[in-house]
PDB file of N, CA and C in Angstrom:
ATOM      1  N   MET A   1    -100.294  85.028 -36.410  1.00  0.00           N
ATOM      2  CA  MET A   1    -101.343  86.000 -36.664  1.00  0.00           C
ATOM      3  C   MET A   1    -102.243  86.090 -35.437  1.00  0.00           C
ATOM      4  N   GLU A   2    -102.466  87.284 -34.975  1.00  0.00           N
ATOM      5  CA  GLU A   2    -103.280  87.488 -33.780  1.00  0.00           C
ATOM      6  C   GLU A   2    -104.743  87.675 -34.159  1.00  0.00           C
ATOM      7  N   GLU A   3    -105.607  87.085 -33.342  1.00  0.00           N
ATOM      8  CA  GLU A   3    -107.039  87.282 -33.539  1.00  0.00           C
ATOM      9  C   GLU A   3    -107.515  88.367 -32.595  1.00  0.00           C
ATOM     10  N   LYS A   4    -108.350  89.243 -33.099  1.00  0.00           N
ATOM     11  CA  LYS A   4    -108.929  90.278 -32.249  1.00  0.00           C
ATOM     12  C   LYS A   4    -110.173  89.716 -31.573  1.00  0.00           C
ATOM     13  N   ILE A   5    -110.243  89.900 -30.281  1.00  0.00           N
ATOM     14  CA  ILE A   5    -111.418  89.468 -29.525  1.00  0.00           C
ATOM     15  C   ILE A   5    -112.339  90.667 -29.375  1.00  0.00           C
ATOM     16  N   LYS A   6    -113.545  90.524 -29.894  1.00  0.00           N
ATOM     17  CA  LYS A   6    -114.503  91.617 -29.855  1.00  0.00           C
ATOM     18  C   LYS A   6    -115.119  91.695 -28.461  1.00  0.00           C
ATOM     19  N   GLN A   7    -114.984  92.854 -27.830  1.00  0.00           N
ATOM     20  CA  GLN A   7    -115.574  93.059 -26.523  1.00  0.00           C
ATOM     21  C   GLN A   7    -116.950  93.680 -26.689  1.00  0.00           C
ATOM     22  N   LYS A   8    -117.872  93.226 -25.858  1.00  0.00           N
ATOM     23  CA  LYS A   8    -119.213  93.779 -25.914  1.00  0.00           C
ATOM     24  C   LYS A   8    -119.236  95.161 -25.281  1.00  0.00           C
ATOM     25  N   ARG A   9    -119.995  96.054 -25.915  1.00  0.00           N
ATOM     26  CA  ARG A   9    -120.200  97.382 -25.346  1.00  0.00           C
ATOM     27  C   ARG A   9    -121.119  97.269 -24.145  1.00  0.00           C
ATOM     28  N   SER A  10    -120.962  98.177 -23.223  1.00  0.00           N
ATOM     29  CA  SER A  10    -121.877  98.244 -22.082  1.00  0.00           C
ATOM     30  C   SER A  10    -123.260  98.656 -22.592  1.00  0.00           C
ATOM     31  N   HIS A  11    -124.291  97.990 -22.123  1.00  0.00           N
ATOM     32  CA  HIS A  11    -125.651  98.262 -22.588  1.00  0.00           C
ATOM     33  C   HIS A  11    -126.506  98.693 -21.403  1.00  0.00           C
ATOM     34  N   LYS A  12    -127.102  99.881 -21.506  1.00  0.00           N
ATOM     35  CA  LYS A  12    -127.969 100.413 -20.450  1.00  0.00           C
ATOM     36  C   LYS A  12    -129.243 100.952 -21.070  1.00  0.00           C
ATOM     37  N   VAL A  13    -130.334 100.821 -20.309  1.00  0.00           N
ATOM     38  CA  VAL A  13    -131.629 101.373 -20.723  1.00  0.00           C
ATOM     39  C   VAL A  13    -132.162 102.193 -19.560  1.00  0.00           C
ATOM     40  N   HIS A  14    -132.539 103.425 -19.841  1.00  0.00           N
ATOM     41  CA  HIS A  14    -133.160 104.286 -18.839  1.00  0.00           C
ATOM     42  C   HIS A  14    -134.462 104.820 -19.426  1.00  0.00           C
ATOM     43  N   MET A  15    -135.578 104.557 -18.741  1.00  0.00           N
ATOM     44  CA  MET A  15    -136.875 105.006 -19.243  1.00  0.00           C
ATOM     45  C   MET A  15    -137.564 105.860 -18.179  1.00  0.00           C
ATOM     46  N   GLU A  16    -138.149 106.966 -18.628  1.00  0.00           N
ATOM     47  CA  GLU A  16    -138.900 107.849 -17.747  1.00  0.00           C
ATOM     48  C   GLU A  16    -140.351 107.895 -18.196  1.00  0.00           C
ATOM     49  N   ASP A  17    -141.258 107.510 -17.324  1.00  0.00           N
ATOM     50  CA  ASP A  17    -142.714 107.635 -17.527  1.00  0.00           C
ATOM     51  C   ASP A  17    -143.211 107.029 -18.842  1.00  0.00           C
ATOM     52  N   ARG A  18    -142.522 106.042 -19.366  1.00  0.00           N
ATOM     53  CA  ARG A  18    -142.873 105.399 -20.638  1.00  0.00           C
ATOM     54  C   ARG A  18    -143.011 106.408 -21.783  1.00  0.00           C
ATOM     55  N   SER A  19    -142.366 107.571 -21.637  1.00  0.00           N
ATOM     56  CA  SER A  19    -142.438 108.571 -22.702  1.00  0.00           C
ATOM     57  C   SER A  19    -141.056 109.018 -23.181  1.00  0.00           C
ATOM     58  N   ARG A  20    -140.019 108.634 -22.457  1.00  0.00           N
ATOM     59  CA  ARG A  20    -138.646 108.989 -22.869  1.00  0.00           C
ATOM     60  C   ARG A  20    -137.729 107.828 -22.518  1.00  0.00           C
ATOM     61  N   MET A  21    -136.865 107.458 -23.470  1.00  0.00           N
ATOM     62  CA  MET A  21    -135.945 106.345 -23.260  1.00  0.00           C
ATOM     63  C   MET A  21    -134.563 106.745 -23.748  1.00  0.00           C
ATOM     64  N   GLU A  22    -133.556 106.437 -22.930  1.00  0.00           N
ATOM     65  CA  GLU A  22    -132.160 106.631 -23.298  1.00  0.00           C
ATOM     66  C   GLU A  22    -131.495 105.266 -23.266  1.00  0.00           C
ATOM     67  N   MET A  23    -130.718 104.954 -24.303  1.00  0.00           N
ATOM     68  CA  MET A  23    -130.049 103.659 -24.397  1.00  0.00           C
ATOM     69  C   MET A  23    -128.593 103.853 -24.771  1.00  0.00           C
ATOM     70  N   THR A  24    -127.742 102.941 -24.289  1.00  0.00           N
ATOM     71  CA  THR A  24    -126.358 102.874 -24.716  1.00  0.00           C
ATOM     72  C   THR A  24    -126.078 101.451 -25.178  1.00  0.00           C
ATOM     73  N   GLY A  25    -124.987 101.273 -25.894  1.00  0.00           N
ATOM     74  CA  GLY A  25    -124.615  99.946 -26.375  1.00  0.00           C
ATOM     75  C   GLY A  25    -125.263  99.566 -27.686  1.00  0.00           C
ATOM     76  N   ILE A  26    -125.752 100.546 -28.433  1.00  0.00           N
ATOM     77  CA  ILE A  26    -126.400 100.303 -29.727  1.00  0.00           C
ATOM     78  C   ILE A  26    -125.321 100.243 -30.809  1.00  0.00           C
ATOM     79  N   THR A  27    -125.335  99.181 -31.611  1.00  0.00           N
ATOM     80  CA  THR A  27    -124.337  99.047 -32.672  1.00  0.00           C
ATOM     81  C   THR A  27    -124.874  99.433 -34.044  1.00  0.00           C
ATOM     82  N   ASP A  28    -126.205  99.374 -34.239  1.00  0.00           N
ATOM     83  CA  ASP A  28    -126.777  99.704 -35.543  1.00  0.00           C
ATOM     84  C   ASP A  28    -128.268  99.954 -35.391  1.00  0.00           C
ATOM     85  N   VAL A  29    -128.814 100.774 -36.277  1.00  0.00           N
ATOM     86  CA  VAL A  29    -130.261 100.984 -36.352  1.00  0.00           C
ATOM     87  C   VAL A  29    -130.728 100.270 -37.607  1.00  0.00           C
ATOM     88  N   ILE A  30    -131.600  99.274 -37.437  1.00  0.00           N
ATOM     89  CA  ILE A  30    -132.092  98.494 -38.574  1.00  0.00           C
ATOM     90  C   ILE A  30    -133.204  99.251 -39.272  1.00  0.00           C
ATOM     91  N   SER A  31    -134.183  99.761 -38.520  1.00  0.00           N
ATOM     92  CA  SER A  31    -135.255 100.570 -39.106  1.00  0.00           C
ATOM     93  C   SER A  31    -135.962 101.336 -38.003  1.00  0.00           C
ATOM     94  N   PHE A  32    -136.651 102.406 -38.406  1.00  0.00           N
ATOM     95  CA  PHE A  32    -137.492 103.128 -37.446  1.00  0.00           C
ATOM     96  C   PHE A  32    -138.585 103.876 -38.176  1.00  0.00           C
ATOM     97  N   ASP A  33    -139.732 103.964 -37.513  1.00  0.00           N
ATOM     98  CA  ASP A  33    -140.840 104.785 -37.978  1.00  0.00           C
ATOM     99  C   ASP A  33    -141.598 105.263 -36.738  1.00  0.00           C
ATOM    100  N   LEU A  34    -142.789 105.811 -36.913  1.00  0.00           N
ATOM    101  CA  LEU A  34    -143.540 106.370 -35.782  1.00  0.00           C
ATOM    102  C   LEU A  34    -144.032 105.319 -34.795  1.00  0.00           C
ATOM    103  N   ASN A  35    -144.127 104.052 -35.217  1.00  0.00           N
ATOM    104  CA  ASN A  35    -144.691 103.013 -34.362  1.00  0.00           C
ATOM    105  C   ASN A  35    -143.696 101.941 -33.918  1.00  0.00           C
ATOM    106  N   LYS A  36    -142.523 101.886 -34.546  1.00  0.00           N
ATOM    107  CA  LYS A  36    -141.570 100.822 -34.218  1.00  0.00           C
ATOM    108  C   LYS A  36    -140.146 101.261 -34.535  1.00  0.00           C
ATOM    109  N   VAL A  37    -139.235 100.950 -33.602  1.00  0.00           N
ATOM    110  CA  VAL A  37    -137.813 101.196 -33.802  1.00  0.00           C
ATOM    111  C   VAL A  37    -137.113  99.858 -33.595  1.00  0.00           C
ATOM    112  N   ILE A  38    -136.297  99.438 -34.564  1.00  0.00           N
ATOM    113  CA  ILE A  38    -135.577  98.169 -34.472  1.00  0.00           C
ATOM    114  C   ILE A  38    -134.086  98.479 -34.462  1.00  0.00           C
ATOM    115  N   LEU A  39    -133.420  98.035 -33.393  1.00  0.00           N
ATOM    116  CA  LEU A  39    -132.017  98.338 -33.158  1.00  0.00           C
ATOM    117  C   LEU A  39    -131.217  97.067 -33.031  1.00  0.00           C
ATOM    118  N   GLU A  40    -129.913  97.175 -33.207  1.00  0.00           N
ATOM    119  CA  GLU A  40    -129.029  96.042 -32.998  1.00  0.00           C
ATOM    120  C   GLU A  40    -128.020  96.412 -31.929  1.00  0.00           C
ATOM    121  N   SER A  41    -127.778  95.477 -31.016  1.00  0.00           N
ATOM    122  CA  SER A  41    -126.763  95.648 -29.982  1.00  0.00           C
ATOM    123  C   SER A  41    -125.940  94.369 -29.911  1.00  0.00           C
ATOM    124  N   ASP A  42    -124.886  94.385 -29.107  1.00  0.00           N
ATOM    125  CA  ASP A  42    -124.083  93.176 -28.923  1.00  0.00           C
ATOM    126  C   ASP A  42    -124.870  92.088 -28.196  1.00  0.00           C
ATOM    127  N   TYR A  43    -125.982  92.446 -27.587  1.00  0.00           N
ATOM    128  CA  TYR A  43    -126.790  91.510 -26.808  1.00  0.00           C
ATOM    129  C   TYR A  43    -128.023  91.031 -27.565  1.00  0.00           C
ATOM    130  N   GLY A  44    -128.165  91.416 -28.825  1.00  0.00           N
ATOM    131  CA  GLY A  44    -129.269  90.982 -29.654  1.00  0.00           C
ATOM    132  C   GLY A  44    -130.001  92.149 -30.294  1.00  0.00           C
ATOM    133  N   VAL A  45    -131.094  91.825 -30.960  1.00  0.00           N
ATOM    134  CA  VAL A  45    -131.936  92.822 -31.627  1.00  0.00           C
ATOM    135  C   VAL A  45    -132.941  93.351 -30.616  1.00  0.00           C
ATOM    136  N   ILE A  46    -133.124  94.669 -30.607  1.00  0.00           N
ATOM    137  CA  ILE A  46    -134.051  95.319 -29.691  1.00  0.00           C
ATOM    138  C   ILE A  46    -135.161  95.949 -30.518  1.00  0.00           C
ATOM    139  N   THR A  47    -136.409  95.621 -30.181  1.00  0.00           N
ATOM    140  CA  THR A  47    -137.565  96.208 -30.861  1.00  0.00           C
ATOM    141  C   THR A  47    -138.333  97.047 -29.847  1.00  0.00           C
ATOM    142  N   ILE A  48    -138.549  98.311 -30.180  1.00  0.00           N
ATOM    143  CA  ILE A  48    -139.325  99.220 -29.338  1.00  0.00           C
ATOM    144  C   ILE A  48    -140.597  99.543 -30.105  1.00  0.00           C
ATOM    145  N   LYS A  49    -141.747  99.259 -29.475  1.00  0.00           N
ATOM    146  CA  LYS A  49    -143.033  99.540 -30.112  1.00  0.00           C
ATOM    147  C   LYS A  49    -143.748 100.623 -29.322  1.00  0.00           C
ATOM    148  N   GLY A  50    -144.537 101.430 -30.042  1.00  0.00           N
ATOM    149  CA  GLY A  50    -145.271 102.497 -29.395  1.00  0.00           C
ATOM    150  C   GLY A  50    -146.004 103.349 -30.401  1.00  0.00           C
ATOM    151  N   ALA A  51    -146.243 104.580 -30.017  1.00  0.00           N
ATOM    152  CA  ALA A  51    -146.941 105.531 -30.880  1.00  0.00           C
ATOM    153  C   ALA A  51    -146.189 106.859 -30.853  1.00  0.00           C
ATOM    154  N   ASN A  52    -146.143 107.523 -31.981  1.00  0.00           N
ATOM    155  CA  ASN A  52    -145.463 108.815 -32.119  1.00  0.00           C
ATOM    156  C   ASN A  52    -144.026 108.762 -31.611  1.00  0.00           C
ATOM    157  N   LEU A  53    -143.304 107.715 -31.980  1.00  0.00           N
ATOM    158  CA  LEU A  53    -141.914 107.562 -31.553  1.00  0.00           C
ATOM    159  C   LEU A  53    -141.013 108.470 -32.387  1.00  0.00           C
ATOM    160  N   HIS A  54    -140.162 109.211 -31.715  1.00  0.00           N
ATOM    161  CA  HIS A  54    -139.231 110.121 -32.378  1.00  0.00           C
ATOM    162  C   HIS A  54    -137.830 109.825 -31.865  1.00  0.00           C
ATOM    163  N   VAL A  55    -136.907 109.616 -32.781  1.00  0.00           N
ATOM    164  CA  VAL A  55    -135.506 109.433 -32.418  1.00  0.00           C
ATOM    165  C   VAL A  55    -134.895 110.829 -32.329  1.00  0.00           C
ATOM    166  N   ASN A  56    -134.617 111.265 -31.095  1.00  0.00           N
ATOM    167  CA  ASN A  56    -134.087 112.616 -30.881  1.00  0.00           C
ATOM    168  C   ASN A  56    -132.586 112.696 -31.052  1.00  0.00           C
ATOM    169  N   ARG A  57    -131.890 111.682 -30.579  1.00  0.00           N
ATOM    170  CA  ARG A  57    -130.432 111.695 -30.665  1.00  0.00           C
ATOM    171  C   ARG A  57    -129.971 110.296 -31.012  1.00  0.00           C
ATOM    172  N   LEU A  58    -129.082 110.213 -31.980  1.00  0.00           N
ATOM    173  CA  LEU A  58    -128.531 108.932 -32.394  1.00  0.00           C
ATOM    174  C   LEU A  58    -127.059 109.112 -32.690  1.00  0.00           C
ATOM    175  N   SER A  59    -126.238 108.325 -32.005  1.00  0.00           N
ATOM    176  CA  SER A  59    -124.805 108.312 -32.267  1.00  0.00           C
ATOM    177  C   SER A  59    -124.366 106.859 -32.300  1.00  0.00           C
ATOM    178  N   VAL A  60    -124.258 106.300 -33.495  1.00  0.00           N
ATOM    179  CA  VAL A  60    -123.851 104.901 -33.633  1.00  0.00           C
ATOM    180  C   VAL A  60    -122.391 104.750 -33.208  1.00  0.00           C
ATOM    181  N   GLU A  61    -121.563 105.774 -33.449  1.00  0.00           N
ATOM    182  CA  GLU A  61    -120.164 105.714 -33.033  1.00  0.00           C
ATOM    183  C   GLU A  61    -120.045 105.534 -31.524  1.00  0.00           C
ATOM    184  N   LYS A  62    -120.853 106.284 -30.765  1.00  0.00           N
ATOM    185  CA  LYS A  62    -120.846 106.186 -29.307  1.00  0.00           C
ATOM    186  C   LYS A  62    -121.805 105.102 -28.808  1.00  0.00           C
ATOM    187  N   GLY A  63    -122.730 104.671 -29.672  1.00  0.00           N
ATOM    188  CA  GLY A  63    -123.704 103.657 -29.280  1.00  0.00           C
ATOM    189  C   GLY A  63    -124.839 104.211 -28.455  1.00  0.00           C
ATOM    190  N   GLU A  64    -125.181 105.484 -28.619  1.00  0.00           N
ATOM    191  CA  GLU A  64    -126.208 106.138 -27.809  1.00  0.00           C
ATOM    192  C   GLU A  64    -127.439 106.480 -28.634  1.00  0.00           C
ATOM    193  N   LEU A  65    -128.600 106.400 -27.975  1.00  0.00           N
ATOM    194  CA  LEU A  65    -129.874 106.662 -28.639  1.00  0.00           C
ATOM    195  C   LEU A  65    -130.858 107.233 -27.632  1.00  0.00           C
ATOM    196  N   ASP A  66    -131.590 108.274 -28.004  1.00  0.00           N
ATOM    197  CA  ASP A  66    -132.676 108.834 -27.198  1.00  0.00           C
ATOM    198  C   ASP A  66    -133.955 108.785 -28.015  1.00  0.00           C
ATOM    199  N   ILE A  67    -135.037 108.320 -27.395  1.00  0.00           N
ATOM    200  CA  ILE A  67    -136.338 108.212 -28.059  1.00  0.00           C
ATOM    201  C   ILE A  67    -137.398 108.867 -27.185  1.00  0.00           C
ATOM    202  N   ASP A  68    -138.301 109.635 -27.810  1.00  0.00           N
ATOM    203  CA  ASP A  68    -139.476 110.199 -27.140  1.00  0.00           C
ATOM    204  C   ASP A  68    -140.714 109.639 -27.807  1.00  0.00           C
ATOM    205  N   GLY A  69    -141.819 109.570 -27.060  1.00  0.00           N
ATOM    206  CA  GLY A  69    -143.091 109.107 -27.587  1.00  0.00           C
ATOM    207  C   GLY A  69    -143.787 108.235 -26.561  1.00  0.00           C
ATOM    208  N   SER A  70    -144.834 107.592 -26.969  1.00  0.00           N
ATOM    209  CA  SER A  70    -145.578 106.677 -26.100  1.00  0.00           C
ATOM    210  C   SER A  70    -145.005 105.274 -26.279  1.00  0.00           C
ATOM    211  N   ILE A  71    -144.168 104.846 -25.338  1.00  0.00           N
ATOM    212  CA  ILE A  71    -143.491 103.554 -25.435  1.00  0.00           C
ATOM    213  C   ILE A  71    -144.383 102.475 -24.842  1.00  0.00           C
ATOM    214  N   GLN A  72    -144.723 101.481 -25.660  1.00  0.00           N
ATOM    215  CA  GLN A  72    -145.640 100.427 -25.233  1.00  0.00           C
ATOM    216  C   GLN A  72    -144.959  99.089 -25.020  1.00  0.00           C
ATOM    217  N   ALA A  73    -143.821  98.833 -25.684  1.00  0.00           N
ATOM    218  CA  ALA A  73    -143.149  97.536 -25.537  1.00  0.00           C
ATOM    219  C   ALA A  73    -141.671  97.681 -25.852  1.00  0.00           C
ATOM    220  N   LEU A  74    -140.872  96.889 -25.135  1.00  0.00           N
ATOM    221  CA  LEU A  74    -139.438  96.788 -25.368  1.00  0.00           C
ATOM    222  C   LEU A  74    -139.123  95.308 -25.389  1.00  0.00           C
ATOM    223  N   GLU A  75    -138.611  94.829 -26.532  1.00  0.00           N
ATOM    224  CA  GLU A  75    -138.412  93.389 -26.717  1.00  0.00           C
ATOM    225  C   GLU A  75    -137.009  93.099 -27.221  1.00  0.00           C
ATOM    226  N   TYR A  76    -136.379  92.096 -26.626  1.00  0.00           N
ATOM    227  CA  TYR A  76    -135.069  91.629 -27.051  1.00  0.00           C
ATOM    228  C   TYR A  76    -135.228  90.289 -27.757  1.00  0.00           C
ATOM    229  N   SER A  77    -134.420  90.074 -28.792  1.00  0.00           N
ATOM    230  CA  SER A  77    -134.394  88.776 -29.469  1.00  0.00           C
ATOM    231  C   SER A  77    -132.959  88.495 -29.913  1.00  0.00           C
ATOM    232  N   ASP A  78    -132.691  87.244 -30.287  1.00  0.00           N
ATOM    233  CA  ASP A  78    -131.347  86.871 -30.718  1.00  0.00           C
ATOM    234  C   ASP A  78    -130.955  87.661 -31.954  1.00  0.00           C
ATOM    235  N   ALA A  79    -129.672  87.929 -32.079  1.00  0.00           N
ATOM    236  CA  ALA A  79    -129.175  88.738 -33.196  1.00  0.00           C
ATOM    237  C   ALA A  79    -129.512  88.125 -34.543  1.00  0.00           C
ATOM    238  N   GLY A  80    -129.475  86.805 -34.686  1.00  0.00           N
ATOM    239  CA  GLY A  80    -129.743  86.156 -35.964  1.00  0.00           C
ATOM    240  C   GLY A  80    -131.208  85.954 -36.257  1.00  0.00           C
ATOM    241  N   SER A  81    -132.075  86.219 -35.299  1.00  0.00           N
ATOM    242  CA  SER A  81    -133.493  85.925 -35.493  1.00  0.00           C
ATOM    243  C   SER A  81    -134.196  86.929 -36.395  1.00  0.00           C
ATOM    244  N   TYR A  82    -133.654  88.148 -36.515  1.00  0.00           N
ATOM    245  CA  TYR A  82    -134.332  89.159 -37.321  1.00  0.00           C
ATOM    246  C   TYR A  82    -134.066  88.970 -38.803  1.00  0.00           C
ATOM    247  N   THR A  83    -132.844  88.619 -39.143  1.00  0.00           N
ATOM    248  CA  THR A  83    -132.503  88.458 -40.553  1.00  0.00           C
ATOM    249  C   THR A  83    -132.567  86.995 -40.948  1.00  0.00           C
ATOM    250  N   LYS A  84    -133.019  86.751 -42.155  1.00  0.00           N
ATOM    251  CA  LYS A  84    -133.057  85.400 -42.691  1.00  0.00           C
ATOM    252  C   LYS A  84    -131.828  85.199 -43.553  1.00  0.00           C
ATOM    253  N   LYS A  85    -131.341  83.984 -43.610  1.00  0.00           N
ATOM    254  CA  LYS A  85    -130.151  83.692 -44.405  1.00  0.00           C
ATOM    255  C   LYS A  85    -130.364  84.089 -45.856  1.00  0.00           C
ATOM    256  N   GLY A  86    -129.376  84.770 -46.414  1.00  0.00           N
ATOM    257  CA  GLY A  86    -129.417  85.134 -47.816  1.00  0.00           C
ATOM    258  C   GLY A  86    -130.291  86.333 -48.133  1.00  0.00           C
ATOM    259  N   GLU A  87    -130.875  86.954 -47.119  1.00  0.00           N
ATOM    260  CA  GLU A  87    -131.755  88.086 -47.362  1.00  0.00           C
ATOM    261  C   GLU A  87    -130.943  89.377 -47.277  1.00  0.00           C
ATOM    262  N   SER A  88    -131.037  90.207 -48.300  1.00  0.00           N
ATOM    263  CA  SER A  88    -130.265  91.444 -48.325  1.00  0.00           C
ATOM    264  C   SER A  88    -130.951  92.533 -47.514  1.00  0.00           C
ATOM    265  N   LEU A  89    -130.190  93.583 -47.218  1.00  0.00           N
ATOM    266  CA  LEU A  89    -130.724  94.720 -46.482  1.00  0.00           C
ATOM    267  C   LEU A  89    -131.884  95.355 -47.238  1.00  0.00           C
ATOM    268  N   MET A  90    -131.740  95.514 -48.544  1.00  0.00           N
ATOM    269  CA  MET A  90    -132.798  96.148 -49.343  1.00  0.00           C
ATOM    270  C   MET A  90    -134.092  95.337 -49.319  1.00  0.00           C
ATOM    271  N   SER A  91    -133.994  94.013 -49.373  1.00  0.00           N
ATOM    272  CA  SER A  91    -135.209  93.200 -49.364  1.00  0.00           C
ATOM    273  C   SER A  91    -135.879  93.251 -47.998  1.00  0.00           C
ATOM    274  N   ARG A  92    -135.085  93.422 -46.926  1.00  0.00           N
ATOM    275  CA  ARG A  92    -135.673  93.543 -45.588  1.00  0.00           C
ATOM    276  C   ARG A  92    -136.361  94.896 -45.427  1.00  0.00           C
ATOM    277  N   LEU A  93    -135.792  95.959 -46.015  1.00  0.00           N
ATOM    278  CA  LEU A  93    -136.371  97.289 -45.869  1.00  0.00           C
ATOM    279  C   LEU A  93    -137.682  97.442 -46.613  1.00  0.00           C
ATOM    280  N   PHE A  94    -137.815  96.777 -47.761  1.00  0.00           N
ATOM    281  CA  PHE A  94    -138.990  96.972 -48.608  1.00  0.00           C
ATOM    282  C   PHE A  94    -139.986  95.832 -48.513  1.00  0.00           C
ATOM    283  N   LYS A  95    -140.137  95.256 -47.353  1.00  0.00           N
ATOM    284  CA  LYS A  95    -141.158  94.197 -47.142  1.00  0.00           C
ATOM    285  C   LYS A  95    -142.515  94.808 -47.017  1.00  0.00           C
TER     286      LYS A  95
END
């Protein structure tokens, strides 16, 4: 039986004037609102904080994301650090 080796997607971030951001290598969107966007990539969880954040383009199949707004912070963390063991998606969404 052959094991499939998962290859990491290429991950790039391009930001213009802290008001527009284009990203590749996104595997999932955990949550988003006007002040925070939480994404998942092969390199960990990405949190984008700001004001009036708008997700203009999202393609999880291609792993691409475009965001406009006032971007104040971009933070990476380990993939397992965002979710707690045994916690369901619904319980994380309604905190």
